[in-house]
Structure formats: C-alpha cells, structure tokens
Amino acid sequence: MNKAHREIKKAYSRINLMIELVDARCPASSENPLISQLRGRKPSLIVLNKADLADPNITRQWVKHFNKMENVQAIALDKGQTGKIKGLLKKGRGMLPKDRSKERAIHVMIMGIPNVGKSTLINILAGRNIAKTGNVPAVTRRQQQIRLSHDMVLVDTPGFLWHKLSPKECGYNLAISGAVKDAVVDQVEIAVFALEYFARHYPSALKNRYGLTEIPNEPMDILTAIGKRRGCMLKGGEIDIQKAAEITIREYRAGKLGPISLEKPRI
C-alpha cells in the first residue's frame, strides 16, 4: 500500500486526467481519500463500476452527488456496457483545458481499490487483454503504462486500501463487496452485518431468495434460517453457520439477491 501510494505521487505531476473506479454498491466506502487528496483540481472521471449489482435509484443519487464536485464527472457502468466504457476516453478529452499543448501525449491515471474491476475496464479501453483480471483483490501488483492511441497513455496503478478503514461500516462494506481478502475477515461476522442491513433495507430480497415467510429480528437467526433452507447441516442436526455465511456473502456478490446498495450519499 505504501509503495503504491509513493508510485502514484511520483507519477502524478505528468497526469492530465484521472479516472477513479469506485464500487457502485458502496461508493463512499470504496472511494479512496488518498486519491481525493491527490486529485486536487485535475479533471477527473469517477466511474461507479458494477452498477448492475447496485440499487439503480441509489446509484442515480450517487452520480448526482459526485457531479456536484468541481472538475468531476461521474458515470455508472457495468462490464457489459462495452460501448459506454470505450466512450470514457472521449468524455475525458472533453474535460481537458482548451489551451493544453497538443504536442504532449495525454497521460491518464486510472485508480481504484482492489477488486473494483479496474483491469477489466483497462482491457476494454485498450482493445486487448493487457491487464490481468481476477475475482480476487490485488491482481495488479505494479504500475504500468499502456499506449491507447498515438496521443494517449494510460497509467495503471496497483489497487490499494488506505491506512484506516473507518468508520467501521466502511470496513464491513469493503469486506462484503469483496475488496478485502476473505482470508483476513470473519465470514460469519461479515454475513451477520450484511443480513442486519438487508433486513432493514431489502427484506423482500431475503424472502425471495431464501424462501422466508418472515424475517427473524436477530441477524444470527436470519443466518440460521438460511442455513436450514440451504441444508447446511453438521452432525447431530446442528446448523453449519460458517457455510451459511459463505453462501450468503457469495450470493450477494454475484447479485443473486437482486440489485442492492450498501450506502446512500449524505445530503
């Protein structure tokens, strides 16, 4: 993380346009404050990626929220919108100063936290498989430069998280969405946090996905009910809570509960 931050600061002086990817399900949690500090007044595109997995009404609120910022334009995307993704660079060119020297190549820095879909987007922009992709955090390990056209260079950076994940809801949101490696978090704790939120904001999604007629008051009871419905049983008839938690998190990330956002913009 520290190395990635140093590399970004070193390259920043020659950057003309910044593209930051955030997770449309949790834009505030996945927006890196270090990037906000570096951005300053540079033209910036904020891409709310994985929009197909997020609540569309809340995503529209987020786009409106980001568009109020100076020199910032926001757009919601998912990886299936190839044409819209390719249009990002044209949109970015339109944000550059009119008096910019045409003799120098446009350097575009693309940044985002781990597992936000940065490598997939780069491959679409480049028109070739140049960046490694994977459904796990931290696939990109080092900074690389990619020539997109005769006058445009894309500077890719490793995905990195900031030093302090606060408030705690921010860390939970990143863990639920997959930005934090599963090996370093308690799956049951994460699932309980998620189910408490889903029960308050998307109860019908839980009922429809898991065939529940009523939503228990306690999130651990919801997890137990999911375990029963999915046959997560241990010897002696005990519910395998760990397996039920893994199923819940995996199915949320895959969008099987429907489009669900984890946070709204503060007005």
C-alpha atoms as a PDB file:
ATOM      1  CA  MET A   1       0.000   0.000   0.000  1.00  0.00           C
ATOM      2  CA  ASN A   2       2.756   2.472   0.934  1.00  0.00           C
ATOM      3  CA  LYS A   3       4.746   1.587  -2.176  1.00  0.00           C
ATOM      4  CA  ALA A   4       1.706   2.066  -4.392  1.00  0.00           C
ATOM      5  CA  HIS A   5       0.999   5.447  -2.805  1.00  0.00           C
ATOM      6  CA  ARG A   6       4.591   6.608  -3.415  1.00  0.00           C
ATOM      7  CA  GLU A   7       4.436   5.490  -7.059  1.00  0.00           C
ATOM      8  CA  ILE A   8       1.201   7.370  -7.626  1.00  0.00           C
ATOM      9  CA  LYS A   9       2.548  10.596  -6.102  1.00  0.00           C
ATOM     10  CA  LYS A  10       5.708  10.316  -8.223  1.00  0.00           C
ATOM     11  CA  ALA A  11       3.734   9.916 -11.473  1.00  0.00           C
ATOM     12  CA  TYR A  12       1.072  12.474 -10.605  1.00  0.00           C
ATOM     13  CA  SER A  13       2.838  15.612 -11.898  1.00  0.00           C
ATOM     14  CA  ARG A  14       2.592  14.489 -15.536  1.00  0.00           C
ATOM     15  CA  ILE A  15      -1.018  13.286 -15.332  1.00  0.00           C
ATOM     16  CA  ASN A  16      -3.636  15.202 -17.340  1.00  0.00           C
ATOM     17  CA  LEU A  17      -6.754  13.220 -16.473  1.00  0.00           C
ATOM     18  CA  MET A  18      -7.690  10.958 -13.592  1.00  0.00           C
ATOM     19  CA  ILE A  19     -10.138   8.056 -13.694  1.00  0.00           C
ATOM     20  CA  GLU A  20     -11.162   6.578 -10.361  1.00  0.00           C
ATOM     21  CA  LEU A  21     -13.236   3.439 -10.157  1.00  0.00           C
ATOM     22  CA  VAL A  22     -15.493   3.003  -7.146  1.00  0.00           C
ATOM     23  CA  ASP A  23     -17.881   0.175  -6.365  1.00  0.00           C
ATOM     24  CA  ALA A  24     -21.417   1.329  -7.209  1.00  0.00           C
ATOM     25  CA  ARG A  25     -22.721  -0.683  -4.239  1.00  0.00           C
ATOM     26  CA  CYS A  26     -20.629   1.342  -1.767  1.00  0.00           C
ATOM     27  CA  PRO A  27     -19.140   4.432  -3.465  1.00  0.00           C
ATOM     28  CA  ALA A  28     -18.190   6.271  -0.262  1.00  0.00           C
ATOM     29  CA  SER A  29     -16.516   3.242   1.288  1.00  0.00           C
ATOM     30  CA  SER A  30     -14.634   2.413  -1.919  1.00  0.00           C
ATOM     31  CA  GLU A  31     -13.582   5.981  -2.725  1.00  0.00           C
ATOM     32  CA  ASN A  32     -10.017   6.266  -1.518  1.00  0.00           C
ATOM     33  CA  PRO A  33      -9.426   9.541   0.402  1.00  0.00           C
ATOM     34  CA  LEU A  34      -5.766   9.471  -0.623  1.00  0.00           C
ATOM     35  CA  ILE A  35      -6.880   9.732  -4.235  1.00  0.00           C
ATOM     36  CA  SER A  36      -9.151  12.652  -3.372  1.00  0.00           C
ATOM     37  CA  GLN A  37      -6.157  14.463  -1.875  1.00  0.00           C
ATOM     38  CA  LEU A  38      -4.021  13.844  -4.945  1.00  0.00           C
ATOM     39  CA  ARG A  39      -6.750  14.813  -7.409  1.00  0.00           C
ATOM     40  CA  GLY A  40      -6.894  18.467  -6.478  1.00  0.00           C
ATOM     41  CA  ARG A  41      -8.264  20.425  -9.457  1.00  0.00           C
ATOM     42  CA  LYS A  42      -7.284  17.924 -12.150  1.00  0.00           C
ATOM     43  CA  PRO A  43     -10.133  16.824 -14.443  1.00  0.00           C
ATOM     44  CA  SER A  44     -11.484  13.583 -13.023  1.00  0.00           C
ATOM     45  CA  LEU A  45     -13.901  10.892 -14.071  1.00  0.00           C
ATOM     46  CA  ILE A  46     -15.468   8.859 -11.276  1.00  0.00           C
ATOM     47  CA  VAL A  47     -16.738   5.536 -12.585  1.00  0.00           C
ATOM     48  CA  LEU A  48     -19.319   3.765 -10.445  1.00  0.00           C
ATOM     49  CA  ASN A  49     -18.498   0.252 -11.572  1.00  0.00           C
ATOM     50  CA  LYS A  50     -20.611  -2.888 -11.100  1.00  0.00           C
ATOM     51  CA  ALA A  51     -23.725  -0.746 -11.368  1.00  0.00           C
ATOM     52  CA  ASP A  52     -25.752  -3.790 -12.387  1.00  0.00           C
ATOM     53  CA  LEU A  53     -25.284  -5.116  -8.842  1.00  0.00           C
ATOM     54  CA  ALA A  54     -26.389  -1.881  -7.130  1.00  0.00           C
ATOM     55  CA  ASP A  55     -29.803  -0.355  -6.469  1.00  0.00           C
ATOM     56  CA  PRO A  56     -30.374   1.828  -9.577  1.00  0.00           C
ATOM     57  CA  ASN A  57     -32.260   4.537  -7.685  1.00  0.00           C
ATOM     58  CA  ILE A  58     -29.435   4.941  -5.185  1.00  0.00           C
ATOM     59  CA  THR A  59     -26.817   4.843  -7.947  1.00  0.00           C
ATOM     60  CA  ARG A  60     -28.523   7.814  -9.618  1.00  0.00           C
ATOM     61  CA  GLN A  61     -28.257   9.676  -6.305  1.00  0.00           C
ATOM     62  CA  TRP A  62     -24.533   8.932  -6.176  1.00  0.00           C
ATOM     63  CA  VAL A  63     -23.932  10.128  -9.752  1.00  0.00           C
ATOM     64  CA  LYS A  64     -25.719  13.378  -8.930  1.00  0.00           C
ATOM     65  CA  HIS A  65     -23.660  13.688  -5.716  1.00  0.00           C
ATOM     66  CA  PHE A  66     -20.296  13.315  -7.479  1.00  0.00           C
ATOM     67  CA  ASN A  67     -21.292  15.611 -10.359  1.00  0.00           C
ATOM     68  CA  LYS A  68     -21.636  18.472  -7.885  1.00  0.00           C
ATOM     69  CA  MET A  69     -17.852  18.351  -7.298  1.00  0.00           C
ATOM     70  CA  GLU A  70     -15.544  20.723  -9.148  1.00  0.00           C
ATOM     71  CA  ASN A  71     -13.885  19.298 -12.306  1.00  0.00           C
ATOM     72  CA  VAL A  72     -15.552  15.927 -11.722  1.00  0.00           C
ATOM     73  CA  GLN A  73     -17.914  13.950 -13.922  1.00  0.00           C
ATOM     74  CA  ALA A  74     -19.442  10.673 -12.767  1.00  0.00           C
ATOM     75  CA  ILE A  75     -20.807   7.778 -14.765  1.00  0.00           C
ATOM     76  CA  ALA A  76     -22.346   4.434 -13.751  1.00  0.00           C
ATOM     77  CA  LEU A  77     -21.085   1.374 -15.617  1.00  0.00           C
ATOM     78  CA  ASP A  78     -21.023  -2.380 -15.644  1.00  0.00           C
ATOM     79  CA  LYS A  79     -18.599  -4.565 -17.591  1.00  0.00           C
ATOM     80  CA  GLY A  80     -21.250  -5.489 -20.149  1.00  0.00           C
ATOM     81  CA  GLN A  81     -21.516  -1.891 -21.422  1.00  0.00           C
ATOM     82  CA  THR A  82     -18.529  -2.074 -23.754  1.00  0.00           C
ATOM     83  CA  GLY A  83     -19.588   0.866 -25.928  1.00  0.00           C
ATOM     84  CA  LYS A  84     -20.166   3.111 -22.924  1.00  0.00           C
ATOM     85  CA  ILE A  85     -16.795   2.117 -21.470  1.00  0.00           C
ATOM     86  CA  LYS A  86     -14.983   2.986 -24.697  1.00  0.00           C
ATOM     87  CA  GLY A  87     -16.697   6.364 -24.632  1.00  0.00           C
ATOM     88  CA  LEU A  88     -14.984   7.229 -21.343  1.00  0.00           C
ATOM     89  CA  LEU A  89     -11.855   8.488 -23.075  1.00  0.00           C
ATOM     90  CA  LYS A  90     -13.837  10.787 -25.373  1.00  0.00           C
ATOM     91  CA  LYS A  91     -15.663  12.099 -22.309  1.00  0.00           C
ATOM     92  CA  GLY A  92     -12.317  12.639 -20.587  1.00  0.00           C
ATOM     93  CA  ARG A  93     -10.828  14.507 -23.561  1.00  0.00           C
ATOM     94  CA  GLY A  94     -13.721  16.936 -23.392  1.00  0.00           C
ATOM     95  CA  MET A  95     -12.772  17.804 -19.795  1.00  0.00           C
ATOM     96  CA  LEU A  96      -9.184  18.811 -20.602  1.00  0.00           C
ATOM     97  CA  PRO A  97      -8.164  22.511 -20.737  1.00  0.00           C
ATOM     98  CA  LYS A  98      -8.649  24.018 -24.194  1.00  0.00           C
ATOM     99  CA  ASP A  99      -5.180  25.578 -24.127  1.00  0.00           C
ATOM    100  CA  ARG A 100      -3.404  22.286 -23.408  1.00  0.00           C
ATOM    101  CA  SER A 101      -0.342  21.665 -25.592  1.00  0.00           C
ATOM    102  CA  LYS A 102      -1.203  19.201 -28.355  1.00  0.00           C
ATOM    103  CA  GLU A 103       2.447  18.188 -28.698  1.00  0.00           C
ATOM    104  CA  ARG A 104       2.481  16.166 -25.483  1.00  0.00           C
ATOM    105  CA  ALA A 105       0.628  12.878 -25.080  1.00  0.00           C
ATOM    106  CA  ILE A 106      -2.358  12.853 -22.743  1.00  0.00           C
ATOM    107  CA  HIS A 107      -1.487  10.852 -19.641  1.00  0.00           C
ATOM    108  CA  VAL A 108      -4.486   9.261 -17.956  1.00  0.00           C
ATOM    109  CA  MET A 109      -4.112   7.743 -14.497  1.00  0.00           C
ATOM    110  CA  ILE A 110      -6.593   5.034 -13.596  1.00  0.00           C
ATOM    111  CA  MET A 111      -7.005   4.118  -9.960  1.00  0.00           C
ATOM    112  CA  GLY A 112      -9.259   2.154  -7.679  1.00  0.00           C
ATOM    113  CA  ILE A 113      -9.290  -0.099  -4.663  1.00  0.00           C
ATOM    114  CA  PRO A 114      -8.714  -3.862  -5.042  1.00  0.00           C
ATOM    115  CA  ASN A 115     -11.297  -5.966  -6.914  1.00  0.00           C
ATOM    116  CA  VAL A 116     -13.268  -2.987  -8.239  1.00  0.00           C
ATOM    117  CA  GLY A 117     -12.898  -4.120 -11.871  1.00  0.00           C
ATOM    118  CA  LYS A 118     -10.038  -1.890 -12.960  1.00  0.00           C
ATOM    119  CA  SER A 119      -8.192  -4.483 -15.044  1.00  0.00           C
ATOM    120  CA  THR A 120     -11.337  -5.492 -16.940  1.00  0.00           C
ATOM    121  CA  LEU A 121     -12.031  -1.858 -17.804  1.00  0.00           C
ATOM    122  CA  ILE A 122      -8.434  -1.329 -18.968  1.00  0.00           C
ATOM    123  CA  ASN A 123      -8.640  -4.320 -21.314  1.00  0.00           C
ATOM    124  CA  ILE A 124     -11.791  -2.891 -22.903  1.00  0.00           C
ATOM    125  CA  LEU A 125     -10.223   0.566 -23.299  1.00  0.00           C
ATOM    126  CA  ALA A 126      -7.050  -0.918 -24.786  1.00  0.00           C
ATOM    127  CA  GLY A 127      -8.939  -3.317 -27.034  1.00  0.00           C
ATOM    128  CA  ARG A 128      -6.736  -6.203 -25.949  1.00  0.00           C
ATOM    129  CA  ASN A 129      -6.022  -8.342 -22.902  1.00  0.00           C
ATOM    130  CA  ILE A 130      -3.161  -6.412 -21.416  1.00  0.00           C
ATOM    131  CA  ALA A 131      -4.077  -6.284 -17.721  1.00  0.00           C
ATOM    132  CA  LYS A 132      -4.548  -9.350 -15.554  1.00  0.00           C
ATOM    133  CA  THR A 133      -8.080  -9.889 -14.306  1.00  0.00           C
ATOM    134  CA  GLY A 134      -9.457 -11.937 -11.447  1.00  0.00           C
ATOM    135  CA  ASN A 135     -12.320 -12.013  -8.977  1.00  0.00           C
ATOM    136  CA  VAL A 136      -9.954 -11.532  -6.046  1.00  0.00           C
ATOM    137  CA  PRO A 137      -8.307  -8.409  -4.594  1.00  0.00           C
ATOM    138  CA  ALA A 138      -4.810  -7.221  -5.532  1.00  0.00           C
ATOM    139  CA  VAL A 139      -4.374  -8.689  -9.016  1.00  0.00           C
ATOM    140  CA  THR A 140      -2.446  -5.648 -10.273  1.00  0.00           C
ATOM    141  CA  ARG A 141       0.910  -5.651  -8.479  1.00  0.00           C
ATOM    142  CA  ARG A 142       2.838  -2.760 -10.018  1.00  0.00           C
ATOM    143  CA  GLN A 143       2.395   0.421 -12.007  1.00  0.00           C
ATOM    144  CA  GLN A 144       2.365   0.036 -15.792  1.00  0.00           C
ATOM    145  CA  GLN A 145       1.932   2.315 -18.813  1.00  0.00           C
ATOM    146  CA  ILE A 146      -0.349   1.342 -21.683  1.00  0.00           C
ATOM    147  CA  ARG A 147      -0.400   3.141 -25.043  1.00  0.00           C
ATOM    148  CA  LEU A 148      -4.046   3.578 -26.048  1.00  0.00           C
ATOM    149  CA  SER A 149      -3.549   5.739 -29.122  1.00  0.00           C
ATOM    150  CA  HIS A 150      -0.913   7.961 -30.731  1.00  0.00           C
ATOM    151  CA  ASP A 151      -1.625  10.736 -28.227  1.00  0.00           C
ATOM    152  CA  MET A 152      -2.902   8.937 -25.134  1.00  0.00           C
ATOM    153  CA  VAL A 153      -1.115   6.865 -22.489  1.00  0.00           C
ATOM    154  CA  LEU A 154      -2.885   5.089 -19.651  1.00  0.00           C
ATOM    155  CA  VAL A 155      -1.026   4.821 -16.350  1.00  0.00           C
ATOM    156  CA  ASP A 156      -2.333   1.832 -14.392  1.00  0.00           C
ATOM    157  CA  THR A 157      -1.708   1.624 -10.653  1.00  0.00           C
ATOM    158  CA  PRO A 158      -1.988  -1.189  -8.119  1.00  0.00           C
ATOM    159  CA  GLY A 159      -5.260  -1.259  -6.210  1.00  0.00           C
ATOM    160  CA  PHE A 160      -4.628  -0.220  -2.625  1.00  0.00           C
ATOM    161  CA  LEU A 161      -6.601   0.491   0.513  1.00  0.00           C
ATOM    162  CA  TRP A 162      -5.999   3.352   2.868  1.00  0.00           C
ATOM    163  CA  HIS A 163      -4.391   3.064   6.284  1.00  0.00           C
ATOM    164  CA  LYS A 164      -7.508   3.361   8.443  1.00  0.00           C
ATOM    165  CA  LEU A 165     -10.800   1.789   7.445  1.00  0.00           C
ATOM    166  CA  SER A 166     -13.180   3.992   9.360  1.00  0.00           C
ATOM    167  CA  PRO A 167     -15.917   4.266  10.340  1.00  0.00           C
ATOM    168  CA  LYS A 168     -16.334   0.547  10.910  1.00  0.00           C
ATOM    169  CA  GLU A 169     -19.226   0.371   8.435  1.00  0.00           C
ATOM    170  CA  CYS A 170     -16.733   1.266   5.725  1.00  0.00           C
ATOM    171  CA  GLY A 171     -14.571  -1.769   6.501  1.00  0.00           C
ATOM    172  CA  TYR A 172     -17.614  -4.039   6.613  1.00  0.00           C
ATOM    173  CA  ASN A 173     -18.864  -2.751   3.269  1.00  0.00           C
ATOM    174  CA  LEU A 174     -15.494  -3.400   1.657  1.00  0.00           C
ATOM    175  CA  ALA A 175     -15.391  -6.901   3.120  1.00  0.00           C
ATOM    176  CA  ILE A 176     -18.944  -7.689   1.990  1.00  0.00           C
ATOM    177  CA  SER A 177     -18.282  -6.438  -1.545  1.00  0.00           C
ATOM    178  CA  GLY A 178     -15.003  -8.374  -1.846  1.00  0.00           C
ATOM    179  CA  ALA A 179     -12.393  -5.595  -1.723  1.00  0.00           C
ATOM    180  CA  VAL A 180     -10.821  -7.216   1.350  1.00  0.00           C
ATOM    181  CA  LYS A 181      -9.497 -10.750   1.074  1.00  0.00           C
ATOM    182  CA  ASP A 182     -11.829 -13.307   2.652  1.00  0.00           C
ATOM    183  CA  ALA A 183      -8.898 -14.934   4.417  1.00  0.00           C
ATOM    184  CA  VAL A 184      -8.416 -11.924   6.696  1.00  0.00           C
ATOM    185  CA  VAL A 185     -12.029 -11.410   7.802  1.00  0.00           C
ATOM    186  CA  ASP A 186     -14.523 -13.432   9.819  1.00  0.00           C
ATOM    187  CA  GLN A 187     -17.143 -14.589   7.328  1.00  0.00           C
ATOM    188  CA  VAL A 188     -19.823 -15.066   9.981  1.00  0.00           C
ATOM    189  CA  GLU A 189     -19.284 -11.573  11.380  1.00  0.00           C
ATOM    190  CA  ILE A 190     -19.456 -10.077   7.885  1.00  0.00           C
ATOM    191  CA  ALA A 191     -22.595 -12.036   6.986  1.00  0.00           C
ATOM    192  CA  VAL A 192     -24.335 -11.005  10.223  1.00  0.00           C
ATOM    193  CA  PHE A 193     -23.565  -7.340   9.496  1.00  0.00           C
ATOM    194  CA  ALA A 194     -24.860  -7.710   5.931  1.00  0.00           C
ATOM    195  CA  LEU A 195     -28.041  -9.516   6.975  1.00  0.00           C
ATOM    196  CA  GLU A 196     -28.890  -6.875   9.551  1.00  0.00           C
ATOM    197  CA  TYR A 197     -28.621  -4.253   6.799  1.00  0.00           C
ATOM    198  CA  PHE A 198     -30.554  -6.312   4.239  1.00  0.00           C
ATOM    199  CA  ALA A 199     -33.344  -6.969   6.748  1.00  0.00           C
ATOM    200  CA  ARG A 200     -33.803  -3.227   7.295  1.00  0.00           C
ATOM    201  CA  HIS A 201     -33.490  -2.033   3.700  1.00  0.00           C
ATOM    202  CA  TYR A 202     -34.184  -5.018   1.410  1.00  0.00           C
ATOM    203  CA  PRO A 203     -36.338  -7.525   3.353  1.00  0.00           C
ATOM    204  CA  SER A 204     -38.127  -8.726   0.214  1.00  0.00           C
ATOM    205  CA  ALA A 205     -34.781  -9.702  -1.312  1.00  0.00           C
ATOM    206  CA  LEU A 206     -34.115 -12.064   1.612  1.00  0.00           C
ATOM    207  CA  LYS A 207     -37.618 -13.508   1.479  1.00  0.00           C
ATOM    208  CA  ASN A 208     -37.490 -14.116  -2.264  1.00  0.00           C
ATOM    209  CA  ARG A 209     -34.007 -15.600  -2.369  1.00  0.00           C
ATOM    210  CA  TYR A 210     -34.244 -17.873   0.655  1.00  0.00           C
ATOM    211  CA  GLY A 211     -37.958 -18.641   0.748  1.00  0.00           C
ATOM    212  CA  LEU A 212     -38.518 -16.972   4.097  1.00  0.00           C
ATOM    213  CA  THR A 213     -42.089 -16.080   5.036  1.00  0.00           C
ATOM    214  CA  GLU A 214     -40.916 -13.872   7.903  1.00  0.00           C
ATOM    215  CA  ILE A 215     -37.592 -12.180   8.642  1.00  0.00           C
ATOM    216  CA  PRO A 216     -36.308 -13.003  12.153  1.00  0.00           C
ATOM    217  CA  ASN A 217     -35.471  -9.994  14.328  1.00  0.00           C
ATOM    218  CA  GLU A 218     -31.887 -11.078  15.026  1.00  0.00           C
ATOM    219  CA  PRO A 219     -29.393 -11.331  12.128  1.00  0.00           C
ATOM    220  CA  MET A 220     -27.883 -14.535  13.559  1.00  0.00           C
ATOM    221  CA  ASP A 221     -31.366 -16.071  13.455  1.00  0.00           C
ATOM    222  CA  ILE A 222     -31.656 -15.000   9.813  1.00  0.00           C
ATOM    223  CA  LEU A 223     -28.349 -16.725   9.090  1.00  0.00           C
ATOM    224  CA  THR A 224     -29.580 -19.849  10.881  1.00  0.00           C
ATOM    225  CA  ALA A 225     -32.767 -19.809   8.798  1.00  0.00           C
ATOM    226  CA  ILE A 226     -30.707 -19.512   5.609  1.00  0.00           C
ATOM    227  CA  GLY A 227     -28.582 -22.451   6.754  1.00  0.00           C
ATOM    228  CA  LYS A 228     -31.699 -24.563   7.246  1.00  0.00           C
ATOM    229  CA  ARG A 229     -33.093 -23.640   3.845  1.00  0.00           C
ATOM    230  CA  ARG A 230     -29.795 -24.467   2.149  1.00  0.00           C
ATOM    231  CA  GLY A 231     -29.163 -27.716   4.010  1.00  0.00           C
ATOM    232  CA  CYS A 232     -26.049 -26.500   5.806  1.00  0.00           C
ATOM    233  CA  MET A 233     -26.061 -29.216   8.452  1.00  0.00           C
ATOM    234  CA  LEU A 234     -23.413 -30.616  10.740  1.00  0.00           C
ATOM    235  CA  LYS A 235     -23.508 -33.952  12.543  1.00  0.00           C
ATOM    236  CA  GLY A 236     -26.244 -34.064  15.138  1.00  0.00           C
ATOM    237  CA  GLY A 237     -28.515 -31.748  13.183  1.00  0.00           C
ATOM    238  CA  GLU A 238     -26.649 -28.560  14.084  1.00  0.00           C
ATOM    239  CA  ILE A 239     -26.607 -25.726  11.526  1.00  0.00           C
ATOM    240  CA  ASP A 240     -23.260 -25.067   9.835  1.00  0.00           C
ATOM    241  CA  ILE A 241     -23.214 -21.307  10.411  1.00  0.00           C
ATOM    242  CA  GLN A 242     -19.861 -20.869   8.657  1.00  0.00           C
ATOM    243  CA  LYS A 243     -21.146 -22.448   5.457  1.00  0.00           C
ATOM    244  CA  ALA A 244     -24.379 -20.450   5.627  1.00  0.00           C
ATOM    245  CA  ALA A 245     -22.331 -17.249   5.989  1.00  0.00           C
ATOM    246  CA  GLU A 246     -20.175 -18.120   2.977  1.00  0.00           C
ATOM    247  CA  ILE A 247     -23.276 -18.821   0.877  1.00  0.00           C
ATOM    248  CA  THR A 248     -24.869 -15.505   1.885  1.00  0.00           C
ATOM    249  CA  ILE A 249     -21.781 -13.445   1.027  1.00  0.00           C
ATOM    250  CA  ARG A 250     -21.091 -15.305  -2.216  1.00  0.00           C
ATOM    251  CA  GLU A 251     -24.670 -14.926  -3.434  1.00  0.00           C
ATOM    252  CA  TYR A 252     -24.777 -11.233  -2.573  1.00  0.00           C
ATOM    253  CA  ARG A 253     -21.595 -10.584  -4.535  1.00  0.00           C
ATOM    254  CA  ALA A 254     -22.997 -12.498  -7.519  1.00  0.00           C
ATOM    255  CA  GLY A 255     -26.151 -10.371  -7.489  1.00  0.00           C
ATOM    256  CA  LYS A 256     -28.427 -13.303  -6.713  1.00  0.00           C
ATOM    257  CA  LEU A 257     -30.297 -11.323  -4.069  1.00  0.00           C
ATOM    258  CA  GLY A 258     -31.004  -8.638  -6.643  1.00  0.00           C
ATOM    259  CA  PRO A 259     -29.508  -5.143  -7.006  1.00  0.00           C
ATOM    260  CA  ILE A 260     -28.573  -3.966  -3.511  1.00  0.00           C
ATOM    261  CA  SER A 261     -26.634  -0.872  -2.467  1.00  0.00           C
ATOM    262  CA  LEU A 262     -24.851  -0.772   0.871  1.00  0.00           C
ATOM    263  CA  GLU A 263     -24.937   3.002   1.439  1.00  0.00           C
ATOM    264  CA  LYS A 264     -26.560   6.242   0.313  1.00  0.00           C
ATOM    265  CA  PRO A 265     -24.914   9.633  -0.231  1.00  0.00           C
ATOM    266  CA  ARG A 266     -25.154  12.004   2.689  1.00  0.00           C
ATOM    267  CA  ILE A 267     -27.200  15.045   1.804  1.00  0.00           C
END
